[in-house]
Amino acid sequence: IGYMMLAAGLGPVGYVFAIMHLVTHGFFKAGLFLGAGSV
C-alpha cells in the first residue's frame, strides 16, 4: 500500500499505476492470505 500511496503522491504521473497495482495486489494478496488460511 506504501507503493500505491507513493504513486498517488506523484500526481497524474502515478494515479493510474497506483490503481493498477492496487488491482493486481488485490488478486495476489487475497491468494496469499487464503493460501495461509488453507495452511
PDB file of all heavy atoms in Angstrom:
ATOM      1  N   ILE A   1       0.848  -1.198   0.000  1.00  0.00           N
ATOM      2  CA  ILE A   1       0.000   0.000   0.000  1.00  0.00           C
ATOM      3  C   ILE A   1       0.883   1.248   0.000  1.00  0.00           C
ATOM      4  O   ILE A   1       0.529   2.281  -0.572  1.00  0.00           O
ATOM      5  CB  ILE A   1      -0.950   0.010   1.210  1.00  0.00           C
ATOM      6  CG1 ILE A   1      -1.857  -1.214   1.182  1.00  0.00           C
ATOM      7  CG2 ILE A   1      -1.798   1.268   1.218  1.00  0.00           C
ATOM      8  CD1 ILE A   1      -2.834  -1.268   0.043  1.00  0.00           C
ATOM      9  N   GLY A   2       2.061   1.139   0.623  1.00  0.00           N
ATOM     10  CA  GLY A   2       3.014   2.242   0.565  1.00  0.00           C
ATOM     11  C   GLY A   2       3.412   2.562  -0.866  1.00  0.00           C
ATOM     12  O   GLY A   2       3.548   3.731  -1.252  1.00  0.00           O
ATOM     13  N   TYR A   3       3.635   1.528  -1.691  1.00  0.00           N
ATOM     14  CA  TYR A   3       3.898   1.741  -3.120  1.00  0.00           C
ATOM     15  C   TYR A   3       2.763   2.537  -3.758  1.00  0.00           C
ATOM     16  O   TYR A   3       2.988   3.490  -4.520  1.00  0.00           O
ATOM     17  CB  TYR A   3       4.020   0.398  -3.839  1.00  0.00           C
ATOM     18  CG  TYR A   3       5.411  -0.175  -3.893  1.00  0.00           C
ATOM     19  CD1 TYR A   3       5.777  -1.257  -3.094  1.00  0.00           C
ATOM     20  CD2 TYR A   3       6.364   0.338  -4.755  1.00  0.00           C
ATOM     21  CE1 TYR A   3       7.045  -1.812  -3.145  1.00  0.00           C
ATOM     22  CE2 TYR A   3       7.642  -0.203  -4.817  1.00  0.00           C
ATOM     23  CZ  TYR A   3       7.986  -1.274  -4.010  1.00  0.00           C
ATOM     24  OH  TYR A   3       9.244  -1.806  -4.063  1.00  0.00           O
ATOM     25  N   MET A   4       1.536   2.135  -3.455  1.00  0.00           N
ATOM     26  CA  MET A   4       0.379   2.794  -4.069  1.00  0.00           C
ATOM     27  C   MET A   4       0.258   4.247  -3.613  1.00  0.00           C
ATOM     28  O   MET A   4      -0.018   5.150  -4.420  1.00  0.00           O
ATOM     29  CB  MET A   4      -0.902   2.039  -3.721  1.00  0.00           C
ATOM     30  CG  MET A   4      -0.909   0.587  -4.154  1.00  0.00           C
ATOM     31  SD  MET A   4      -2.333  -0.289  -3.466  1.00  0.00           S
ATOM     32  CE  MET A   4      -1.724  -1.976  -3.425  1.00  0.00           C
ATOM     33  N   MET A   5       0.464   4.495  -2.323  1.00  0.00           N
ATOM     34  CA  MET A   5       0.381   5.860  -1.809  1.00  0.00           C
ATOM     35  C   MET A   5       1.469   6.735  -2.418  1.00  0.00           C
ATOM     36  O   MET A   5       1.232   7.893  -2.780  1.00  0.00           O
ATOM     37  CB  MET A   5       0.497   5.850  -0.288  1.00  0.00           C
ATOM     38  CG  MET A   5      -0.680   5.220   0.419  1.00  0.00           C
ATOM     39  SD  MET A   5      -2.229   6.141   0.272  1.00  0.00           S
ATOM     40  CE  MET A   5      -1.879   7.505   1.372  1.00  0.00           C
ATOM     41  N   LEU A   6       2.664   6.181  -2.530  1.00  0.00           N
ATOM     42  CA  LEU A   6       3.757   6.935  -3.147  1.00  0.00           C
ATOM     43  C   LEU A   6       3.400   7.293  -4.582  1.00  0.00           C
ATOM     44  O   LEU A   6       3.587   8.436  -5.016  1.00  0.00           O
ATOM     45  CB  LEU A   6       5.046   6.110  -3.095  1.00  0.00           C
ATOM     46  CG  LEU A   6       6.368   6.829  -3.383  1.00  0.00           C
ATOM     47  CD1 LEU A   6       7.534   6.053  -2.793  1.00  0.00           C
ATOM     48  CD2 LEU A   6       6.610   7.031  -4.872  1.00  0.00           C
ATOM     49  N   ALA A   7       2.864   6.323  -5.321  1.00  0.00           N
ATOM     50  CA  ALA A   7       2.471   6.595  -6.708  1.00  0.00           C
ATOM     51  C   ALA A   7       1.381   7.651  -6.776  1.00  0.00           C
ATOM     52  O   ALA A   7       1.417   8.551  -7.632  1.00  0.00           O
ATOM     53  CB  ALA A   7       2.007   5.305  -7.382  1.00  0.00           C
ATOM     54  N   ALA A   8       0.406   7.573  -5.870  1.00  0.00           N
ATOM     55  CA  ALA A   8      -0.658   8.571  -5.861  1.00  0.00           C
ATOM     56  C   ALA A   8      -0.111   9.959  -5.541  1.00  0.00           C
ATOM     57  O   ALA A   8      -0.603  10.967  -6.049  1.00  0.00           O
ATOM     58  CB  ALA A   8      -1.734   8.182  -4.850  1.00  0.00           C
ATOM     59  N   GLY A   9       0.939  10.022  -4.721  1.00  0.00           N
ATOM     60  CA  GLY A   9       1.548  11.306  -4.403  1.00  0.00           C
ATOM     61  C   GLY A   9       2.290  11.924  -5.572  1.00  0.00           C
ATOM     62  O   GLY A   9       2.571  13.125  -5.570  1.00  0.00           O
ATOM     63  N   LEU A  10       2.595  11.134  -6.597  1.00  0.00           N
ATOM     64  CA  LEU A  10       3.283  11.659  -7.782  1.00  0.00           C
ATOM     65  C   LEU A  10       2.338  12.423  -8.705  1.00  0.00           C
ATOM     66  O   LEU A  10       2.779  13.016  -9.689  1.00  0.00           O
ATOM     67  CB  LEU A  10       3.937  10.512  -8.559  1.00  0.00           C
ATOM     68  CG  LEU A  10       5.023   9.725  -7.808  1.00  0.00           C
ATOM     69  CD1 LEU A  10       5.522   8.567  -8.662  1.00  0.00           C
ATOM     70  CD2 LEU A  10       6.178  10.633  -7.415  1.00  0.00           C
ATOM     71  N   GLY A  11       1.040  12.396  -8.411  1.00  0.00           N
ATOM     72  CA  GLY A  11       0.096  13.139  -9.231  1.00  0.00           C
ATOM     73  C   GLY A  11      -0.300  12.381 -10.478  1.00  0.00           C
ATOM     74  O   GLY A  11      -0.314  11.139 -10.505  1.00  0.00           O
ATOM     75  N   PRO A  12      -0.648  13.095 -11.548  1.00  0.00           N
ATOM     76  CA  PRO A  12      -1.108  12.438 -12.785  1.00  0.00           C
ATOM     77  C   PRO A  12      -0.124  11.424 -13.338  1.00  0.00           C
ATOM     78  O   PRO A  12      -0.519  10.508 -14.063  1.00  0.00           O
ATOM     79  CB  PRO A  12      -1.281  13.622 -13.750  1.00  0.00           C
ATOM     80  CG  PRO A  12      -1.536  14.800 -12.874  1.00  0.00           C
ATOM     81  CD  PRO A  12      -0.712  14.566 -11.638  1.00  0.00           C
ATOM     82  N   VAL A  13       1.155  11.560 -13.004  1.00  0.00           N
ATOM     83  CA  VAL A  13       2.139  10.582 -13.461  1.00  0.00           C
ATOM     84  C   VAL A  13       1.892   9.216 -12.826  1.00  0.00           C
ATOM     85  O   VAL A  13       2.177   8.178 -13.433  1.00  0.00           O
ATOM     86  CB  VAL A  13       3.570  11.064 -13.128  1.00  0.00           C
ATOM     87  CG1 VAL A  13       4.605  10.025 -13.520  1.00  0.00           C
ATOM     88  CG2 VAL A  13       3.858  12.382 -13.824  1.00  0.00           C
ATOM     89  N   GLY A  14       1.337   9.219 -11.613  1.00  0.00           N
ATOM     90  CA  GLY A  14       1.244   7.972 -10.870  1.00  0.00           C
ATOM     91  C   GLY A  14      -0.135   7.463 -10.536  1.00  0.00           C
ATOM     92  O   GLY A  14      -0.274   6.309 -10.110  1.00  0.00           O
ATOM     93  N   TYR A  15      -1.197   8.286 -10.700  1.00  0.00           N
ATOM     94  CA  TYR A  15      -2.533   7.846 -10.295  1.00  0.00           C
ATOM     95  C   TYR A  15      -2.933   6.517 -10.942  1.00  0.00           C
ATOM     96  O   TYR A  15      -3.399   5.590 -10.277  1.00  0.00           O
ATOM     97  CB  TYR A  15      -3.579   8.904 -10.651  1.00  0.00           C
ATOM     98  CG  TYR A  15      -3.515  10.155  -9.824  1.00  0.00           C
ATOM     99  CD1 TYR A  15      -3.657  11.419 -10.411  1.00  0.00           C
ATOM    100  CD2 TYR A  15      -3.335  10.097  -8.439  1.00  0.00           C
ATOM    101  CE1 TYR A  15      -3.612  12.574  -9.660  1.00  0.00           C
ATOM    102  CE2 TYR A  15      -3.277  11.255  -7.681  1.00  0.00           C
ATOM    103  CZ  TYR A  15      -3.419  12.493  -8.296  1.00  0.00           C
ATOM    104  OH  TYR A  15      -3.366  13.629  -7.541  1.00  0.00           O
ATOM    105  N   VAL A  16      -2.784   6.441 -12.259  1.00  0.00           N
ATOM    106  CA  VAL A  16      -3.215   5.244 -12.979  1.00  0.00           C
ATOM    107  C   VAL A  16      -2.481   4.007 -12.472  1.00  0.00           C
ATOM    108  O   VAL A  16      -3.079   2.949 -12.249  1.00  0.00           O
ATOM    109  CB  VAL A  16      -2.985   5.410 -14.497  1.00  0.00           C
ATOM    110  CG1 VAL A  16      -3.206   4.078 -15.217  1.00  0.00           C
ATOM    111  CG2 VAL A  16      -3.913   6.471 -15.061  1.00  0.00           C
ATOM    112  N   PHE A  17      -1.178   4.143 -12.246  1.00  0.00           N
ATOM    113  CA  PHE A  17      -0.378   2.983 -11.864  1.00  0.00           C
ATOM    114  C   PHE A  17      -0.588   2.620 -10.391  1.00  0.00           C
ATOM    115  O   PHE A  17      -0.419   1.459 -10.008  1.00  0.00           O
ATOM    116  CB  PHE A  17       1.086   3.242 -12.187  1.00  0.00           C
ATOM    117  CG  PHE A  17       1.303   3.584 -13.631  1.00  0.00           C
ATOM    118  CD1 PHE A  17       1.816   4.819 -14.006  1.00  0.00           C
ATOM    119  CD2 PHE A  17       0.929   2.694 -14.624  1.00  0.00           C
ATOM    120  CE1 PHE A  17       1.977   5.149 -15.339  1.00  0.00           C
ATOM    121  CE2 PHE A  17       1.092   3.005 -15.962  1.00  0.00           C
ATOM    122  CZ  PHE A  17       1.613   4.239 -16.325  1.00  0.00           C
ATOM    123  N   ALA A  18      -0.961   3.605  -9.573  1.00  0.00           N
ATOM    124  CA  ALA A  18      -1.337   3.287  -8.191  1.00  0.00           C
ATOM    125  C   ALA A  18      -2.560   2.377  -8.188  1.00  0.00           C
ATOM    126  O   ALA A  18      -2.609   1.378  -7.451  1.00  0.00           O
ATOM    127  CB  ALA A  18      -1.622   4.573  -7.417  1.00  0.00           C
ATOM    128  N   ILE A  19      -3.556   2.703  -9.009  1.00  0.00           N
ATOM    129  CA  ILE A  19      -4.767   1.882  -9.068  1.00  0.00           C
ATOM    130  C   ILE A  19      -4.484   0.548  -9.748  1.00  0.00           C
ATOM    131  O   ILE A  19      -5.025  -0.487  -9.353  1.00  0.00           O
ATOM    132  CB  ILE A  19      -5.893   2.640  -9.804  1.00  0.00           C
ATOM    133  CG1 ILE A  19      -6.169   3.975  -9.101  1.00  0.00           C
ATOM    134  CG2 ILE A  19      -7.155   1.799  -9.847  1.00  0.00           C
ATOM    135  CD1 ILE A  19      -6.566   3.853  -7.651  1.00  0.00           C
ATOM    136  N   MET A  20      -3.629   0.555 -10.754  1.00  0.00           N
ATOM    137  CA  MET A  20      -3.287  -0.705 -11.421  1.00  0.00           C
ATOM    138  C   MET A  20      -2.614  -1.664 -10.439  1.00  0.00           C
ATOM    139  O   MET A  20      -2.947  -2.859 -10.393  1.00  0.00           O
ATOM    140  CB  MET A  20      -2.358  -0.419 -12.600  1.00  0.00           C
ATOM    141  CG  MET A  20      -1.949  -1.648 -13.390  1.00  0.00           C
ATOM    142  SD  MET A  20      -0.946  -1.196 -14.818  1.00  0.00           S
ATOM    143  CE  MET A  20      -0.422  -2.809 -15.410  1.00  0.00           C
ATOM    144  N   HIS A  21      -1.690  -1.158  -9.633  1.00  0.00           N
ATOM    145  CA  HIS A  21      -1.037  -2.021  -8.642  1.00  0.00           C
ATOM    146  C   HIS A  21      -2.029  -2.438  -7.566  1.00  0.00           C
ATOM    147  O   HIS A  21      -1.953  -3.556  -7.039  1.00  0.00           O
ATOM    148  CB  HIS A  21       0.151  -1.290  -8.026  1.00  0.00           C
ATOM    149  CG  HIS A  21       1.032  -2.179  -7.197  1.00  0.00           C
ATOM    150  ND1 HIS A  21       1.618  -3.313  -7.682  1.00  0.00           N
ATOM    151  CD2 HIS A  21       1.409  -2.104  -5.889  1.00  0.00           C
ATOM    152  CE1 HIS A  21       2.334  -3.908  -6.738  1.00  0.00           C
ATOM    153  NE2 HIS A  21       2.211  -3.194  -5.637  1.00  0.00           N
ATOM    154  N   LEU A  22      -2.971  -1.555  -7.254  1.00  0.00           N
ATOM    155  CA  LEU A  22      -4.000  -1.890  -6.270  1.00  0.00           C
ATOM    156  C   LEU A  22      -4.819  -3.097  -6.739  1.00  0.00           C
ATOM    157  O   LEU A  22      -5.124  -4.003  -5.962  1.00  0.00           O
ATOM    158  CB  LEU A  22      -4.898  -0.672  -6.050  1.00  0.00           C
ATOM    159  CG  LEU A  22      -6.007  -0.752  -5.010  1.00  0.00           C
ATOM    160  CD1 LEU A  22      -6.260   0.641  -4.420  1.00  0.00           C
ATOM    161  CD2 LEU A  22      -7.313  -1.271  -5.606  1.00  0.00           C
ATOM    162  N   VAL A  23      -5.164  -3.118  -8.038  1.00  0.00           N
ATOM    163  CA  VAL A  23      -5.976  -4.219  -8.564  1.00  0.00           C
ATOM    164  C   VAL A  23      -5.170  -5.512  -8.610  1.00  0.00           C
ATOM    165  O   VAL A  23      -5.643  -6.571  -8.172  1.00  0.00           O
ATOM    166  CB  VAL A  23      -6.515  -3.870  -9.966  1.00  0.00           C
ATOM    167  CG1 VAL A  23      -7.270  -5.064 -10.558  1.00  0.00           C
ATOM    168  CG2 VAL A  23      -7.439  -2.654  -9.889  1.00  0.00           C
ATOM    169  N   THR A  24      -3.956  -5.458  -9.151  1.00  0.00           N
ATOM    170  CA  THR A  24      -3.145  -6.683  -9.201  1.00  0.00           C
ATOM    171  C   THR A  24      -2.840  -7.182  -7.788  1.00  0.00           C
ATOM    172  O   THR A  24      -2.860  -8.392  -7.525  1.00  0.00           O
ATOM    173  CB  THR A  24      -1.838  -6.442  -9.965  1.00  0.00           C
ATOM    174  OG1 THR A  24      -1.082  -5.385  -9.336  1.00  0.00           O
ATOM    175  CG2 THR A  24      -2.108  -6.055 -11.408  1.00  0.00           C
ATOM    176  N   HIS A  25      -2.588  -6.244  -6.868  1.00  0.00           N
ATOM    177  CA  HIS A  25      -2.352  -6.613  -5.472  1.00  0.00           C
ATOM    178  C   HIS A  25      -3.577  -7.295  -4.876  1.00  0.00           C
ATOM    179  O   HIS A  25      -3.451  -8.228  -4.064  1.00  0.00           O
ATOM    180  CB  HIS A  25      -1.997  -5.357  -4.666  1.00  0.00           C
ATOM    181  CG  HIS A  25      -1.823  -5.593  -3.201  1.00  0.00           C
ATOM    182  ND1 HIS A  25      -2.850  -5.413  -2.293  1.00  0.00           N
ATOM    183  CD2 HIS A  25      -0.757  -6.001  -2.479  1.00  0.00           C
ATOM    184  CE1 HIS A  25      -2.412  -5.691  -1.083  1.00  0.00           C
ATOM    185  NE2 HIS A  25      -1.155  -6.053  -1.157  1.00  0.00           N
ATOM    186  N   GLY A  26      -4.773  -6.859  -5.280  1.00  0.00           N
ATOM    187  CA  GLY A  26      -5.983  -7.491  -4.779  1.00  0.00           C
ATOM    188  C   GLY A  26      -6.029  -8.970  -5.107  1.00  0.00           C
ATOM    189  O   GLY A  26      -6.451  -9.788  -4.286  1.00  0.00           O
ATOM    190  N   PHE A  27      -5.551  -9.336  -6.308  1.00  0.00           N
ATOM    191  CA  PHE A  27      -5.542 -10.747  -6.689  1.00  0.00           C
ATOM    192  C   PHE A  27      -4.487 -11.534  -5.915  1.00  0.00           C
ATOM    193  O   PHE A  27      -4.789 -12.540  -5.261  1.00  0.00           O
ATOM    194  CB  PHE A  27      -5.288 -10.883  -8.199  1.00  0.00           C
ATOM    195  CG  PHE A  27      -6.468 -10.531  -9.040  1.00  0.00           C
ATOM    196  CD1 PHE A  27      -6.463  -9.389  -9.834  1.00  0.00           C
ATOM    197  CD2 PHE A  27      -7.598 -11.328  -9.044  1.00  0.00           C
ATOM    198  CE1 PHE A  27      -7.556  -9.057 -10.606  1.00  0.00           C
ATOM    199  CE2 PHE A  27      -8.701 -11.012  -9.825  1.00  0.00           C
ATOM    200  CZ  PHE A  27      -8.681  -9.860 -10.610  1.00  0.00           C
ATOM    201  N   PHE A  28      -3.224 -11.086  -5.988  1.00  0.00           N
ATOM    202  CA  PHE A  28      -2.200 -11.949  -5.387  1.00  0.00           C
ATOM    203  C   PHE A  28      -2.170 -11.881  -3.870  1.00  0.00           C
ATOM    204  O   PHE A  28      -1.837 -12.865  -3.218  1.00  0.00           O
ATOM    205  CB  PHE A  28      -0.809 -11.721  -5.995  1.00  0.00           C
ATOM    206  CG  PHE A  28      -0.273 -10.314  -5.983  1.00  0.00           C
ATOM    207  CD1 PHE A  28       0.071  -9.666  -4.819  1.00  0.00           C
ATOM    208  CD2 PHE A  28      -0.055  -9.657  -7.198  1.00  0.00           C
ATOM    209  CE1 PHE A  28       0.612  -8.388  -4.829  1.00  0.00           C
ATOM    210  CE2 PHE A  28       0.478  -8.374  -7.216  1.00  0.00           C
ATOM    211  CZ  PHE A  28       0.813  -7.738  -6.029  1.00  0.00           C
ATOM    212  N   LYS A  29      -2.566 -10.757  -3.274  1.00  0.00           N
ATOM    213  CA  LYS A  29      -2.564 -10.730  -1.814  1.00  0.00           C
ATOM    214  C   LYS A  29      -3.740 -11.524  -1.245  1.00  0.00           C
ATOM    215  O   LYS A  29      -3.595 -12.202  -0.222  1.00  0.00           O
ATOM    216  CB  LYS A  29      -2.582  -9.283  -1.315  1.00  0.00           C
ATOM    217  CG  LYS A  29      -2.459  -9.130   0.207  1.00  0.00           C
ATOM    218  CD  LYS A  29      -1.284  -9.891   0.792  1.00  0.00           C
ATOM    219  CE  LYS A  29       0.066  -9.390   0.327  1.00  0.00           C
ATOM    220  NZ  LYS A  29       0.411  -8.057   0.762  1.00  0.00           N
ATOM    221  N   ALA A  30      -4.899 -11.466  -1.897  1.00  0.00           N
ATOM    222  CA  ALA A  30      -6.013 -12.311  -1.463  1.00  0.00           C
ATOM    223  C   ALA A  30      -5.632 -13.779  -1.597  1.00  0.00           C
ATOM    224  O   ALA A  30      -5.925 -14.603  -0.722  1.00  0.00           O
ATOM    225  CB  ALA A  30      -7.265 -12.005  -2.290  1.00  0.00           C
ATOM    226  N   GLY A  31      -4.944 -14.129  -2.698  1.00  0.00           N
ATOM    227  CA  GLY A  31      -4.488 -15.502  -2.868  1.00  0.00           C
ATOM    228  C   GLY A  31      -3.519 -15.934  -1.788  1.00  0.00           C
ATOM    229  O   GLY A  31      -3.566 -17.079  -1.304  1.00  0.00           O
ATOM    230  N   LEU A  32      -2.632 -15.025  -1.388  1.00  0.00           N
ATOM    231  CA  LEU A  32      -1.665 -15.354  -0.345  1.00  0.00           C
ATOM    232  C   LEU A  32      -2.355 -15.562   1.003  1.00  0.00           C
ATOM    233  O   LEU A  32      -2.035 -16.504   1.742  1.00  0.00           O
ATOM    234  CB  LEU A  32      -0.619 -14.236  -0.240  1.00  0.00           C
ATOM    235  CG  LEU A  32       0.368 -14.134  -1.407  1.00  0.00           C
ATOM    236  CD1 LEU A  32       1.167 -12.837  -1.313  1.00  0.00           C
ATOM    237  CD2 LEU A  32       1.306 -15.332  -1.429  1.00  0.00           C
ATOM    238  N   PHE A  33      -3.298 -14.708   1.341  1.00  0.00           N
ATOM    239  CA  PHE A  33      -3.981 -14.857   2.627  1.00  0.00           C
ATOM    240  C   PHE A  33      -4.862 -16.105   2.650  1.00  0.00           C
ATOM    241  O   PHE A  33      -4.911 -16.821   3.663  1.00  0.00           O
ATOM    242  CB  PHE A  33      -4.814 -13.614   2.942  1.00  0.00           C
ATOM    243  CG  PHE A  33      -4.065 -12.587   3.729  1.00  0.00           C
ATOM    244  CD1 PHE A  33      -3.682 -11.389   3.155  1.00  0.00           C
ATOM    245  CD2 PHE A  33      -3.726 -12.805   5.049  1.00  0.00           C
ATOM    246  CE1 PHE A  33      -2.979 -10.434   3.872  1.00  0.00           C
ATOM    247  CE2 PHE A  33      -3.028 -11.865   5.788  1.00  0.00           C
ATOM    248  CZ  PHE A  33      -2.652 -10.676   5.195  1.00  0.00           C
ATOM    249  N   LEU A  34      -5.561 -16.363   1.545  1.00  0.00           N
ATOM    250  CA  LEU A  34      -6.378 -17.574   1.512  1.00  0.00           C
ATOM    251  C   LEU A  34      -5.485 -18.814   1.535  1.00  0.00           C
ATOM    252  O   LEU A  34      -5.841 -19.841   2.133  1.00  0.00           O
ATOM    253  CB  LEU A  34      -7.257 -17.573   0.267  1.00  0.00           C
ATOM    254  CG  LEU A  34      -8.314 -16.465   0.194  1.00  0.00           C
ATOM    255  CD1 LEU A  34      -9.265 -16.702  -0.973  1.00  0.00           C
ATOM    256  CD2 LEU A  34      -9.098 -16.339   1.488  1.00  0.00           C
ATOM    257  N   GLY A  35      -4.319 -18.729   0.900  1.00  0.00           N
ATOM    258  CA  GLY A  35      -3.364 -19.831   0.987  1.00  0.00           C
ATOM    259  C   GLY A  35      -2.864 -20.031   2.403  1.00  0.00           C
ATOM    260  O   GLY A  35      -2.728 -21.171   2.876  1.00  0.00           O
ATOM    261  N   ALA A  36      -2.598 -18.936   3.103  1.00  0.00           N
ATOM    262  CA  ALA A  36      -2.188 -19.047   4.508  1.00  0.00           C
ATOM    263  C   ALA A  36      -3.293 -19.673   5.342  1.00  0.00           C
ATOM    264  O   ALA A  36      -3.034 -20.508   6.225  1.00  0.00           O
ATOM    265  CB  ALA A  36      -1.835 -17.655   5.050  1.00  0.00           C
ATOM    266  N   GLY A  37      -4.546 -19.295   5.050  1.00  0.00           N
ATOM    267  CA  GLY A  37      -5.663 -19.911   5.763  1.00  0.00           C
ATOM    268  C   GLY A  37      -5.779 -21.390   5.473  1.00  0.00           C
ATOM    269  O   GLY A  37      -6.114 -22.188   6.362  1.00  0.00           O
ATOM    270  N   SER A  38      -5.491 -21.774   4.235  1.00  0.00           N
ATOM    271  CA  SER A  38      -5.521 -23.190   3.882  1.00  0.00           C
ATOM    272  C   SER A  38      -4.447 -23.964   4.646  1.00  0.00           C
ATOM    273  O   SER A  38      -4.690 -25.082   5.132  1.00  0.00           O
ATOM    274  CB  SER A  38      -5.307 -23.344   2.371  1.00  0.00           C
ATOM    275  OG  SER A  38      -5.328 -24.695   1.983  1.00  0.00           O
ATOM    276  N   VAL A  39      -3.267 -23.362   4.766  1.00  0.00           N
ATOM    277  CA  VAL A  39      -2.194 -23.995   5.546  1.00  0.00           C
ATOM    278  C   VAL A  39      -2.615 -24.140   7.006  1.00  0.00           C
ATOM    279  O   VAL A  39      -2.446 -25.208   7.618  1.00  0.00           O
ATOM    280  CB  VAL A  39      -0.895 -23.177   5.433  1.00  0.00           C
ATOM    281  CG1 VAL A  39       0.152 -23.685   6.431  1.00  0.00           C
ATOM    282  CG2 VAL A  39      -0.337 -23.243   4.011  1.00  0.00           C
TER     283      VAL A  39
END
